[in-house]
């Protein structure tokens, strides 16, 4: 999860959000994102979108993973997932002090989260992991 917090510097120019490469940010919904052919395509799409859209993609992956695994999760795992999901906001993916403050809060939750889940489970929660159908 902590690698999800990679930052791309965003600039605001003439009312449009730009990526660090100077291209207009391209919002992408989770289902379209899931149809991308490989991890590199997903990674490129993730960093080509807005901070808010990144947060939505990450939250959706976590929510769908939680829903797909709900019957086997214990109360501590459920609570940890809820706390992590709740901690993800658009500011989690913004550069600067606002983003750093949000990331620090998320990191505090991650130690417990990483203790409660296996490495394979944590990897399956990543936004570039295989997508999970909606239940």
N, C-alpha and C. Protein backbone atom coordinates (compact mmCIF):
# COMPACT_ATOMS: atom_id res chain seq x y z
N UNK A 1 0.82 -1.18 0.00
CA UNK A 1 0.00 0.00 0.00
C UNK A 1 0.86 1.25 0.00
N UNK A 2 1.99 1.19 0.73
CA UNK A 2 2.79 2.41 0.82
C UNK A 2 3.35 2.82 -0.53
N UNK A 3 3.47 1.88 -1.48
CA UNK A 3 3.97 2.25 -2.80
C UNK A 3 2.89 2.94 -3.62
N UNK A 4 1.66 2.89 -3.15
CA UNK A 4 0.57 3.59 -3.82
C UNK A 4 0.69 5.09 -3.63
N UNK A 5 1.56 5.47 -2.72
CA UNK A 5 1.66 6.87 -2.35
C UNK A 5 2.73 7.59 -3.17
N UNK A 6 3.12 7.02 -4.28
CA UNK A 6 4.07 7.70 -5.17
C UNK A 6 3.42 8.99 -5.66
N UNK A 7 4.20 10.03 -5.79
CA UNK A 7 3.66 11.34 -6.13
C UNK A 7 4.16 11.81 -7.49
N UNK A 8 3.24 12.32 -8.26
CA UNK A 8 3.58 13.00 -9.50
C UNK A 8 3.22 14.46 -9.29
N UNK A 9 4.14 15.33 -9.58
CA UNK A 9 3.89 16.76 -9.39
C UNK A 9 2.83 17.22 -10.38
N UNK A 10 1.77 17.82 -9.84
CA UNK A 10 0.69 18.34 -10.67
C UNK A 10 0.77 19.87 -10.71
N UNK A 11 0.46 20.42 -11.84
CA UNK A 11 0.44 21.88 -11.97
C UNK A 11 -0.95 22.31 -12.42
N UNK A 12 -1.38 23.47 -11.97
CA UNK A 12 -2.65 24.01 -12.40
C UNK A 12 -2.35 25.19 -13.31
N UNK A 13 -2.85 25.11 -14.53
CA UNK A 13 -2.57 26.15 -15.50
C UNK A 13 -3.83 26.42 -16.31
N UNK A 14 -4.26 27.63 -16.32
CA UNK A 14 -5.44 28.05 -17.08
C UNK A 14 -6.65 27.17 -16.75
N UNK A 15 -6.77 26.79 -15.46
CA UNK A 15 -7.94 26.06 -15.02
C UNK A 15 -7.92 24.57 -15.33
N UNK A 16 -6.87 24.05 -15.96
CA UNK A 16 -6.85 22.61 -16.22
C UNK A 16 -5.70 21.98 -15.45
N UNK A 17 -5.93 20.76 -15.00
CA UNK A 17 -4.90 20.03 -14.26
C UNK A 17 -3.94 19.42 -15.26
N UNK A 18 -2.63 19.54 -14.98
CA UNK A 18 -1.62 18.98 -15.86
C UNK A 18 -0.78 17.98 -15.11
N UNK A 19 -0.32 16.96 -15.80
CA UNK A 19 0.62 16.02 -15.20
C UNK A 19 2.00 16.65 -15.20
N UNK A 20 2.93 15.98 -14.55
CA UNK A 20 4.31 16.49 -14.50
C UNK A 20 4.90 16.59 -15.89
N UNK A 21 4.41 15.79 -16.83
CA UNK A 21 4.91 15.83 -18.20
C UNK A 21 4.23 16.93 -19.02
N UNK A 22 3.31 17.68 -18.40
CA UNK A 22 2.66 18.78 -19.09
C UNK A 22 1.44 18.36 -19.89
N UNK A 23 0.99 17.12 -19.74
CA UNK A 23 -0.19 16.66 -20.46
C UNK A 23 -1.42 16.86 -19.58
N UNK A 24 -2.57 17.08 -20.22
CA UNK A 24 -3.80 17.23 -19.46
C UNK A 24 -4.10 15.93 -18.73
N UNK A 25 -4.50 16.03 -17.47
CA UNK A 25 -4.86 14.85 -16.69
C UNK A 25 -6.09 14.20 -17.31
N UNK A 26 -6.10 12.87 -17.32
CA UNK A 26 -7.17 12.13 -17.95
C UNK A 26 -7.89 11.28 -16.91
N UNK A 27 -9.07 11.72 -16.46
CA UNK A 27 -9.82 10.89 -15.52
C UNK A 27 -10.15 9.54 -16.15
N UNK A 28 -10.14 8.50 -15.32
CA UNK A 28 -10.44 7.16 -15.80
C UNK A 28 -11.24 6.44 -14.72
N UNK A 29 -12.32 5.78 -15.12
CA UNK A 29 -13.11 5.06 -14.13
C UNK A 29 -12.50 3.68 -13.91
N UNK A 30 -12.87 3.06 -12.81
CA UNK A 30 -12.27 1.79 -12.39
C UNK A 30 -12.45 0.70 -13.44
N UNK A 31 -13.63 0.59 -14.03
CA UNK A 31 -13.87 -0.47 -15.00
C UNK A 31 -13.04 -0.28 -16.26
N UNK A 32 -12.88 0.95 -16.71
CA UNK A 32 -12.02 1.22 -17.86
C UNK A 32 -10.57 0.93 -17.51
N UNK A 33 -10.17 1.35 -16.33
CA UNK A 33 -8.82 1.09 -15.82
C UNK A 33 -8.54 -0.42 -15.81
N UNK A 34 -9.53 -1.19 -15.37
CA UNK A 34 -9.37 -2.65 -15.29
C UNK A 34 -9.17 -3.31 -16.65
N UNK A 35 -9.68 -2.69 -17.68
CA UNK A 35 -9.57 -3.27 -19.03
C UNK A 35 -8.22 -2.99 -19.68
N UNK A 36 -7.38 -2.19 -19.04
CA UNK A 36 -6.06 -1.93 -19.60
C UNK A 36 -5.26 -3.22 -19.63
N UNK A 37 -4.43 -3.40 -20.64
CA UNK A 37 -3.83 -4.72 -20.90
C UNK A 37 -2.76 -5.22 -19.93
N UNK A 38 -2.08 -4.32 -19.22
CA UNK A 38 -0.99 -4.79 -18.37
C UNK A 38 -0.68 -3.78 -17.27
N UNK A 39 0.22 -4.17 -16.38
CA UNK A 39 0.58 -3.34 -15.24
C UNK A 39 1.15 -1.99 -15.68
N UNK A 40 1.98 -2.00 -16.70
CA UNK A 40 2.57 -0.74 -17.17
C UNK A 40 1.49 0.22 -17.70
N UNK A 41 0.51 -0.30 -18.41
CA UNK A 41 -0.58 0.55 -18.90
C UNK A 41 -1.37 1.12 -17.73
N UNK A 42 -1.62 0.29 -16.73
CA UNK A 42 -2.34 0.76 -15.55
C UNK A 42 -1.53 1.82 -14.81
N UNK A 43 -0.26 1.58 -14.66
CA UNK A 43 0.61 2.54 -13.97
C UNK A 43 0.61 3.88 -14.72
N UNK A 44 0.72 3.83 -16.03
CA UNK A 44 0.71 5.07 -16.83
C UNK A 44 -0.61 5.81 -16.67
N UNK A 45 -1.72 5.08 -16.72
CA UNK A 45 -3.04 5.70 -16.57
C UNK A 45 -3.20 6.29 -15.17
N UNK A 46 -2.70 5.57 -14.18
CA UNK A 46 -2.80 6.03 -12.79
C UNK A 46 -2.10 7.38 -12.63
N UNK A 47 -0.89 7.49 -13.16
CA UNK A 47 -0.14 8.73 -13.00
C UNK A 47 -0.54 9.82 -13.99
N UNK A 48 -1.37 9.48 -14.96
CA UNK A 48 -1.83 10.48 -15.93
C UNK A 48 -3.15 11.12 -15.50
N UNK A 49 -3.67 10.72 -14.35
CA UNK A 49 -4.95 11.25 -13.91
C UNK A 49 -4.77 12.18 -12.71
N UNK A 50 -5.86 12.70 -12.23
CA UNK A 50 -5.82 13.64 -11.11
C UNK A 50 -5.61 12.93 -9.78
N UNK A 51 -5.20 13.68 -8.79
CA UNK A 51 -5.03 13.13 -7.44
C UNK A 51 -6.35 12.56 -6.93
N UNK A 52 -7.43 13.27 -7.16
CA UNK A 52 -8.74 12.80 -6.73
C UNK A 52 -9.10 11.48 -7.40
N UNK A 53 -8.84 11.36 -8.70
CA UNK A 53 -9.13 10.13 -9.44
C UNK A 53 -8.26 8.98 -8.93
N UNK A 54 -7.02 9.24 -8.61
CA UNK A 54 -6.14 8.20 -8.04
C UNK A 54 -6.72 7.67 -6.74
N UNK A 55 -7.16 8.58 -5.89
CA UNK A 55 -7.78 8.17 -4.63
C UNK A 55 -9.00 7.29 -4.87
N UNK A 56 -9.80 7.65 -5.85
CA UNK A 56 -10.99 6.86 -6.18
C UNK A 56 -10.61 5.47 -6.66
N UNK A 57 -9.59 5.38 -7.52
CA UNK A 57 -9.14 4.07 -8.01
C UNK A 57 -8.64 3.19 -6.87
N UNK A 58 -7.86 3.76 -5.98
CA UNK A 58 -7.31 3.00 -4.85
C UNK A 58 -8.43 2.55 -3.92
N UNK A 59 -9.33 3.47 -3.59
CA UNK A 59 -10.43 3.13 -2.69
C UNK A 59 -11.32 2.04 -3.31
N UNK A 60 -11.58 2.15 -4.59
CA UNK A 60 -12.43 1.15 -5.25
C UNK A 60 -11.79 -0.23 -5.20
N UNK A 61 -10.48 -0.31 -5.46
CA UNK A 61 -9.79 -1.60 -5.39
C UNK A 61 -9.89 -2.18 -3.98
N UNK A 62 -9.64 -1.35 -2.97
CA UNK A 62 -9.71 -1.81 -1.59
C UNK A 62 -11.13 -2.24 -1.21
N UNK A 63 -12.11 -1.45 -1.60
CA UNK A 63 -13.50 -1.79 -1.28
C UNK A 63 -13.92 -3.09 -1.94
N UNK A 64 -13.54 -3.26 -3.19
CA UNK A 64 -13.91 -4.50 -3.88
C UNK A 64 -13.16 -5.70 -3.32
N UNK A 65 -11.90 -5.53 -2.94
CA UNK A 65 -11.16 -6.62 -2.32
C UNK A 65 -11.83 -6.99 -1.00
N UNK A 66 -12.17 -5.98 -0.22
CA UNK A 66 -12.85 -6.22 1.06
C UNK A 66 -14.15 -6.98 0.83
N UNK A 67 -14.97 -6.52 -0.09
CA UNK A 67 -16.27 -7.14 -0.35
C UNK A 67 -16.12 -8.58 -0.84
N UNK A 68 -15.11 -8.84 -1.67
CA UNK A 68 -14.88 -10.18 -2.20
C UNK A 68 -14.38 -11.14 -1.12
N UNK A 69 -13.79 -10.60 -0.06
CA UNK A 69 -13.19 -11.43 0.99
C UNK A 69 -13.88 -11.29 2.34
N UNK A 70 -14.97 -10.60 2.38
CA UNK A 70 -15.63 -10.23 3.63
C UNK A 70 -15.92 -11.42 4.55
N UNK A 71 -16.37 -12.51 4.00
CA UNK A 71 -16.78 -13.65 4.84
C UNK A 71 -15.62 -14.29 5.59
N UNK A 72 -14.40 -14.11 5.11
CA UNK A 72 -13.25 -14.73 5.77
C UNK A 72 -12.43 -13.76 6.61
N UNK A 73 -12.78 -12.49 6.61
CA UNK A 73 -12.04 -11.50 7.38
C UNK A 73 -12.52 -11.46 8.83
N UNK A 74 -11.57 -11.28 9.75
CA UNK A 74 -11.98 -11.13 11.15
C UNK A 74 -12.26 -9.64 11.42
N UNK A 75 -12.74 -9.36 12.61
CA UNK A 75 -13.13 -7.99 12.95
C UNK A 75 -11.96 -7.00 12.88
N UNK A 76 -10.77 -7.43 13.30
CA UNK A 76 -9.60 -6.55 13.24
C UNK A 76 -9.23 -6.23 11.79
N UNK A 77 -9.29 -7.21 10.92
CA UNK A 77 -8.98 -6.98 9.50
C UNK A 77 -10.01 -6.04 8.88
N UNK A 78 -11.27 -6.25 9.19
CA UNK A 78 -12.33 -5.37 8.67
C UNK A 78 -12.12 -3.94 9.13
N UNK A 79 -11.82 -3.78 10.40
CA UNK A 79 -11.60 -2.44 10.95
C UNK A 79 -10.38 -1.77 10.32
N UNK A 80 -9.32 -2.54 10.12
CA UNK A 80 -8.12 -2.00 9.50
C UNK A 80 -8.40 -1.53 8.07
N UNK A 81 -9.10 -2.37 7.32
CA UNK A 81 -9.45 -1.99 5.94
C UNK A 81 -10.30 -0.73 5.92
N UNK A 82 -11.28 -0.66 6.81
CA UNK A 82 -12.14 0.53 6.86
C UNK A 82 -11.33 1.79 7.18
N UNK A 83 -10.41 1.67 8.11
CA UNK A 83 -9.58 2.82 8.48
C UNK A 83 -8.70 3.26 7.31
N UNK A 84 -8.11 2.31 6.62
CA UNK A 84 -7.26 2.66 5.47
C UNK A 84 -8.11 3.28 4.37
N UNK A 85 -9.25 2.69 4.07
CA UNK A 85 -10.13 3.24 3.02
C UNK A 85 -10.54 4.66 3.38
N UNK A 86 -10.92 4.86 4.63
CA UNK A 86 -11.35 6.19 5.07
C UNK A 86 -10.22 7.21 5.00
N UNK A 87 -8.99 6.75 5.20
CA UNK A 87 -7.85 7.67 5.21
C UNK A 87 -7.46 8.16 3.81
N UNK A 88 -7.91 7.47 2.78
CA UNK A 88 -7.53 7.84 1.41
C UNK A 88 -8.44 8.94 0.91
N UNK A 89 -7.82 10.06 0.60
CA UNK A 89 -8.54 11.21 0.06
C UNK A 89 -7.77 11.71 -1.15
N UNK A 90 -8.35 12.67 -1.83
CA UNK A 90 -7.64 13.27 -2.96
C UNK A 90 -6.30 13.84 -2.52
N UNK A 91 -6.24 14.35 -1.31
CA UNK A 91 -4.99 14.96 -0.84
C UNK A 91 -3.88 13.93 -0.61
N UNK A 92 -4.24 12.65 -0.50
CA UNK A 92 -3.23 11.60 -0.34
C UNK A 92 -2.27 11.60 -1.53
N UNK A 93 -2.73 12.03 -2.68
CA UNK A 93 -1.96 11.96 -3.91
C UNK A 93 -1.53 13.33 -4.44
N UNK A 94 -1.66 14.36 -3.60
CA UNK A 94 -1.26 15.71 -3.97
C UNK A 94 0.15 15.96 -3.46
N UNK A 95 0.93 16.70 -4.22
CA UNK A 95 2.27 17.08 -3.80
C UNK A 95 2.17 18.21 -2.78
N UNK A 96 3.19 18.37 -2.00
CA UNK A 96 3.27 19.49 -1.07
C UNK A 96 2.81 19.14 0.33
N UNK A 97 2.70 20.14 1.20
CA UNK A 97 2.39 19.91 2.61
C UNK A 97 1.05 19.19 2.85
N UNK A 98 0.04 19.55 2.09
CA UNK A 98 -1.27 18.91 2.26
C UNK A 98 -1.17 17.40 1.98
N UNK A 99 -0.50 17.06 0.90
CA UNK A 99 -0.32 15.65 0.56
C UNK A 99 0.52 14.92 1.58
N UNK A 100 1.58 15.57 2.04
CA UNK A 100 2.46 14.92 3.02
C UNK A 100 1.72 14.67 4.33
N UNK A 101 0.91 15.62 4.76
CA UNK A 101 0.14 15.44 5.99
C UNK A 101 -0.81 14.24 5.86
N UNK A 102 -1.45 14.13 4.74
CA UNK A 102 -2.35 13.01 4.49
C UNK A 102 -1.60 11.67 4.45
N UNK A 103 -0.45 11.66 3.81
CA UNK A 103 0.35 10.43 3.72
C UNK A 103 0.88 10.00 5.08
N UNK A 104 1.24 10.96 5.93
CA UNK A 104 1.72 10.63 7.28
C UNK A 104 0.60 9.95 8.06
N UNK A 105 -0.61 10.45 7.94
CA UNK A 105 -1.75 9.83 8.63
C UNK A 105 -1.98 8.41 8.10
N UNK A 106 -1.87 8.22 6.80
CA UNK A 106 -2.06 6.89 6.22
C UNK A 106 -0.96 5.93 6.67
N UNK A 107 0.27 6.39 6.72
CA UNK A 107 1.39 5.54 7.15
C UNK A 107 1.19 5.01 8.56
N UNK A 108 0.61 5.83 9.42
CA UNK A 108 0.36 5.41 10.80
C UNK A 108 -0.56 4.19 10.83
N UNK A 109 -1.47 4.08 9.90
CA UNK A 109 -2.40 2.95 9.84
C UNK A 109 -1.76 1.72 9.21
N UNK A 110 -0.76 1.93 8.39
CA UNK A 110 -0.21 0.84 7.59
C UNK A 110 0.52 -0.22 8.40
N UNK A 111 1.16 0.12 9.49
CA UNK A 111 1.88 -0.89 10.28
C UNK A 111 0.92 -1.96 10.76
N UNK A 112 -0.21 -1.55 11.29
CA UNK A 112 -1.23 -2.51 11.74
C UNK A 112 -1.80 -3.28 10.56
N UNK A 113 -2.08 -2.58 9.49
CA UNK A 113 -2.64 -3.20 8.28
C UNK A 113 -1.69 -4.28 7.75
N UNK A 114 -0.42 -3.96 7.70
CA UNK A 114 0.57 -4.92 7.19
C UNK A 114 0.75 -6.11 8.14
N UNK A 115 0.50 -5.91 9.40
CA UNK A 115 0.58 -7.00 10.37
C UNK A 115 -0.59 -7.97 10.24
N UNK A 116 -1.75 -7.45 9.85
CA UNK A 116 -2.97 -8.25 9.81
C UNK A 116 -3.18 -9.03 8.52
N UNK A 117 -2.47 -8.64 7.46
CA UNK A 117 -2.68 -9.27 6.15
C UNK A 117 -1.38 -9.87 5.63
N UNK A 118 -1.51 -10.92 4.84
CA UNK A 118 -0.34 -11.54 4.23
C UNK A 118 0.18 -10.65 3.11
N UNK A 119 1.39 -10.92 2.70
CA UNK A 119 1.97 -10.19 1.56
C UNK A 119 1.11 -10.35 0.31
N UNK A 120 0.64 -11.56 0.06
CA UNK A 120 -0.21 -11.79 -1.12
C UNK A 120 -1.51 -10.99 -1.04
N UNK A 121 -2.09 -10.93 0.14
CA UNK A 121 -3.31 -10.14 0.31
C UNK A 121 -3.04 -8.66 0.08
N UNK A 122 -1.93 -8.17 0.64
CA UNK A 122 -1.57 -6.77 0.45
C UNK A 122 -1.33 -6.45 -1.02
N UNK A 123 -0.68 -7.37 -1.72
CA UNK A 123 -0.43 -7.16 -3.15
C UNK A 123 -1.74 -7.14 -3.94
N UNK A 124 -2.70 -7.97 -3.56
CA UNK A 124 -3.99 -8.03 -4.25
C UNK A 124 -4.81 -6.76 -4.03
N UNK A 125 -4.47 -6.00 -3.01
CA UNK A 125 -5.18 -4.75 -2.72
C UNK A 125 -4.63 -3.58 -3.52
N UNK A 126 -3.49 -3.74 -4.15
CA UNK A 126 -2.85 -2.66 -4.89
C UNK A 126 -3.68 -2.31 -6.14
N UNK A 127 -3.66 -1.05 -6.55
CA UNK A 127 -4.47 -0.67 -7.72
C UNK A 127 -3.97 -1.27 -9.03
N UNK A 128 -2.72 -1.73 -9.09
CA UNK A 128 -2.24 -2.35 -10.33
C UNK A 128 -2.36 -3.87 -10.27
N UNK A 129 -2.97 -4.39 -9.20
CA UNK A 129 -3.25 -5.83 -9.09
C UNK A 129 -4.44 -6.15 -9.99
N UNK A 130 -4.70 -7.43 -10.19
CA UNK A 130 -5.89 -7.78 -10.98
C UNK A 130 -7.14 -7.12 -10.38
N UNK A 131 -7.97 -6.62 -11.25
CA UNK A 131 -9.18 -5.94 -10.81
C UNK A 131 -10.20 -6.95 -10.29
N UNK A 132 -11.07 -6.46 -9.46
CA UNK A 132 -12.04 -7.31 -8.79
C UNK A 132 -13.44 -6.89 -9.23
N UNK A 133 -14.22 -7.86 -9.71
CA UNK A 133 -15.59 -7.51 -10.14
C UNK A 133 -16.43 -7.03 -8.95
N UNK A 134 -17.37 -6.18 -9.24
CA UNK A 134 -18.27 -5.67 -8.21
C UNK A 134 -19.23 -6.79 -7.80
N UNK A 135 -19.43 -6.92 -6.49
CA UNK A 135 -20.36 -7.93 -5.98
C UNK A 135 -21.78 -7.43 -6.03
